[in-house]
Amino acid sequence: FPPVQMDINTAGALGQPPRRGGAAAMLKFGAMVLRLATGRFTGSYRRGPFFDARGEPVAAVQVPPLVEVQAARQAAG
């Protein structure tokens, strides 16, 4: 996991919570929201390694039989 970048809901904390983030954290958060919104409006969020340009899966979908699923669950414990 990445290091802690921002603390929220610190009103009920026992002791003095560390001060992190501030204006830099707000700018990072704003940039993230802007990237998400831009991707959503342009449709670029749909591009990825698992689908081709038409939106079809690159690999064929395989659904295992129920017997195999149950056997795998029992083997996992």
C-alpha atoms as a PDB file:
ATOM      1  CA  PHE A   1       0.000   0.000   0.000  1.00  0.00           C
ATOM      2  CA  PRO A   2       1.172   3.570  -0.567  1.00  0.00           C
ATOM      3  CA  PRO A   3       1.981   5.765   2.425  1.00  0.00           C
ATOM      4  CA  VAL A   4      -0.841   7.673   4.123  1.00  0.00           C
ATOM      5  CA  GLN A   5      -1.473  10.871   2.199  1.00  0.00           C
ATOM      6  CA  MET A   6      -4.402  12.435   4.024  1.00  0.00           C
ATOM      7  CA  ASP A   7      -6.218  12.088   7.370  1.00  0.00           C
ATOM      8  CA  ILE A   8      -9.984  12.537   7.567  1.00  0.00           C
ATOM      9  CA  ASN A   9     -12.571  12.359  10.359  1.00  0.00           C
ATOM     10  CA  THR A  10     -10.009  13.175  13.057  1.00  0.00           C
ATOM     11  CA  ALA A  11     -12.464  14.944  15.401  1.00  0.00           C
ATOM     12  CA  GLY A  12     -12.917  11.814  17.531  1.00  0.00           C
ATOM     13  CA  ALA A  13      -9.230  10.869  17.611  1.00  0.00           C
ATOM     14  CA  LEU A  14      -7.567  10.200  20.945  1.00  0.00           C
ATOM     15  CA  GLY A  15      -4.588  12.525  21.110  1.00  0.00           C
ATOM     16  CA  GLN A  16      -3.340  14.925  18.475  1.00  0.00           C
ATOM     17  CA  PRO A  17      -3.507  13.429  14.955  1.00  0.00           C
ATOM     18  CA  PRO A  18      -0.546  14.186  12.675  1.00  0.00           C
ATOM     19  CA  ARG A  19      -0.986  16.986  10.151  1.00  0.00           C
ATOM     20  CA  ARG A  20      -0.624  15.655   6.626  1.00  0.00           C
ATOM     21  CA  GLY A  21      -1.640  16.840   3.256  1.00  0.00           C
ATOM     22  CA  GLY A  22      -3.113  20.293   3.494  1.00  0.00           C
ATOM     23  CA  ALA A  23      -3.214  22.167   0.204  1.00  0.00           C
ATOM     24  CA  ALA A  24      -1.061  19.572  -1.581  1.00  0.00           C
ATOM     25  CA  ALA A  25      -3.485  16.789  -0.658  1.00  0.00           C
ATOM     26  CA  MET A  26      -6.420  18.845  -1.889  1.00  0.00           C
ATOM     27  CA  LEU A  27      -4.642  19.484  -5.200  1.00  0.00           C
ATOM     28  CA  LYS A  28      -3.909  15.764  -5.607  1.00  0.00           C
ATOM     29  CA  PHE A  29      -7.521  14.921  -4.855  1.00  0.00           C
ATOM     30  CA  GLY A  30      -8.766  17.568  -7.292  1.00  0.00           C
ATOM     31  CA  ALA A  31      -6.437  16.252 -10.003  1.00  0.00           C
ATOM     32  CA  MET A  32      -7.709  12.713  -9.427  1.00  0.00           C
ATOM     33  CA  VAL A  33     -11.345  13.840  -9.700  1.00  0.00           C
ATOM     34  CA  LEU A  34     -10.514  15.764 -12.877  1.00  0.00           C
ATOM     35  CA  ARG A  35      -8.831  12.688 -14.428  1.00  0.00           C
ATOM     36  CA  LEU A  36     -11.812  10.496 -13.530  1.00  0.00           C
ATOM     37  CA  ALA A  37     -14.313  12.991 -14.935  1.00  0.00           C
ATOM     38  CA  THR A  38     -12.292  13.499 -18.121  1.00  0.00           C
ATOM     39  CA  GLY A  39     -12.070   9.746 -18.670  1.00  0.00           C
ATOM     40  CA  ARG A  40     -15.777   9.386 -18.120  1.00  0.00           C
ATOM     41  CA  PHE A  41     -16.732  12.202 -20.512  1.00  0.00           C
ATOM     42  CA  THR A  42     -14.344  11.120 -23.289  1.00  0.00           C
ATOM     43  CA  GLY A  43     -14.932   7.386 -22.860  1.00  0.00           C
ATOM     44  CA  SER A  44     -11.211   6.728 -22.408  1.00  0.00           C
ATOM     45  CA  TYR A  45     -11.936   4.753 -19.232  1.00  0.00           C
ATOM     46  CA  ARG A  46     -13.209   1.961 -21.478  1.00  0.00           C
ATOM     47  CA  ARG A  47      -9.831   1.396 -23.131  1.00  0.00           C
ATOM     48  CA  GLY A  48      -7.854  -1.356 -21.472  1.00  0.00           C
ATOM     49  CA  PRO A  49      -5.822  -4.498 -22.103  1.00  0.00           C
ATOM     50  CA  PHE A  50      -8.781  -6.880 -21.786  1.00  0.00           C
ATOM     51  CA  PHE A  51     -10.942  -5.511 -24.626  1.00  0.00           C
ATOM     52  CA  ASP A  52     -10.276  -4.641 -28.272  1.00  0.00           C
ATOM     53  CA  ALA A  53     -11.282  -1.423 -30.067  1.00  0.00           C
ATOM     54  CA  ARG A  54     -14.855  -2.677 -30.599  1.00  0.00           C
ATOM     55  CA  GLY A  55     -15.273  -3.486 -26.894  1.00  0.00           C
ATOM     56  CA  GLU A  56     -15.087  -7.241 -27.382  1.00  0.00           C
ATOM     57  CA  PRO A  57     -13.063  -9.367 -24.918  1.00  0.00           C
ATOM     58  CA  VAL A  58      -9.552 -10.219 -26.134  1.00  0.00           C
ATOM     59  CA  ALA A  59      -9.805 -13.774 -24.745  1.00  0.00           C
ATOM     60  CA  ALA A  60     -12.824 -16.033 -24.906  1.00  0.00           C
ATOM     61  CA  VAL A  61     -14.893 -16.126 -21.732  1.00  0.00           C
ATOM     62  CA  GLN A  62     -14.737 -19.492 -19.984  1.00  0.00           C
ATOM     63  CA  VAL A  63     -17.186 -20.441 -17.244  1.00  0.00           C
ATOM     64  CA  PRO A  64     -16.165 -23.571 -15.325  1.00  0.00           C
ATOM     65  CA  PRO A  65     -18.810 -26.189 -14.573  1.00  0.00           C
ATOM     66  CA  LEU A  66     -20.405 -26.012 -11.127  1.00  0.00           C
ATOM     67  CA  VAL A  67     -18.754 -29.311 -10.125  1.00  0.00           C
ATOM     68  CA  GLU A  68     -15.281 -27.827 -10.719  1.00  0.00           C
ATOM     69  CA  VAL A  69     -16.151 -24.688  -8.767  1.00  0.00           C
ATOM     70  CA  GLN A  70     -17.385 -26.718  -5.802  1.00  0.00           C
ATOM     71  CA  ALA A  71     -14.274 -28.930  -5.893  1.00  0.00           C
ATOM     72  CA  ALA A  72     -12.016 -25.873  -5.914  1.00  0.00           C
ATOM     73  CA  ARG A  73     -13.889 -24.366  -2.958  1.00  0.00           C
ATOM     74  CA  GLN A  74     -13.540 -27.586  -0.964  1.00  0.00           C
ATOM     75  CA  ALA A  75      -9.838 -27.819  -1.805  1.00  0.00           C
ATOM     76  CA  ALA A  76      -9.306 -24.227  -0.655  1.00  0.00           C
ATOM     77  CA  GLY A  77     -10.794 -25.040   2.728  1.00  0.00           C
END
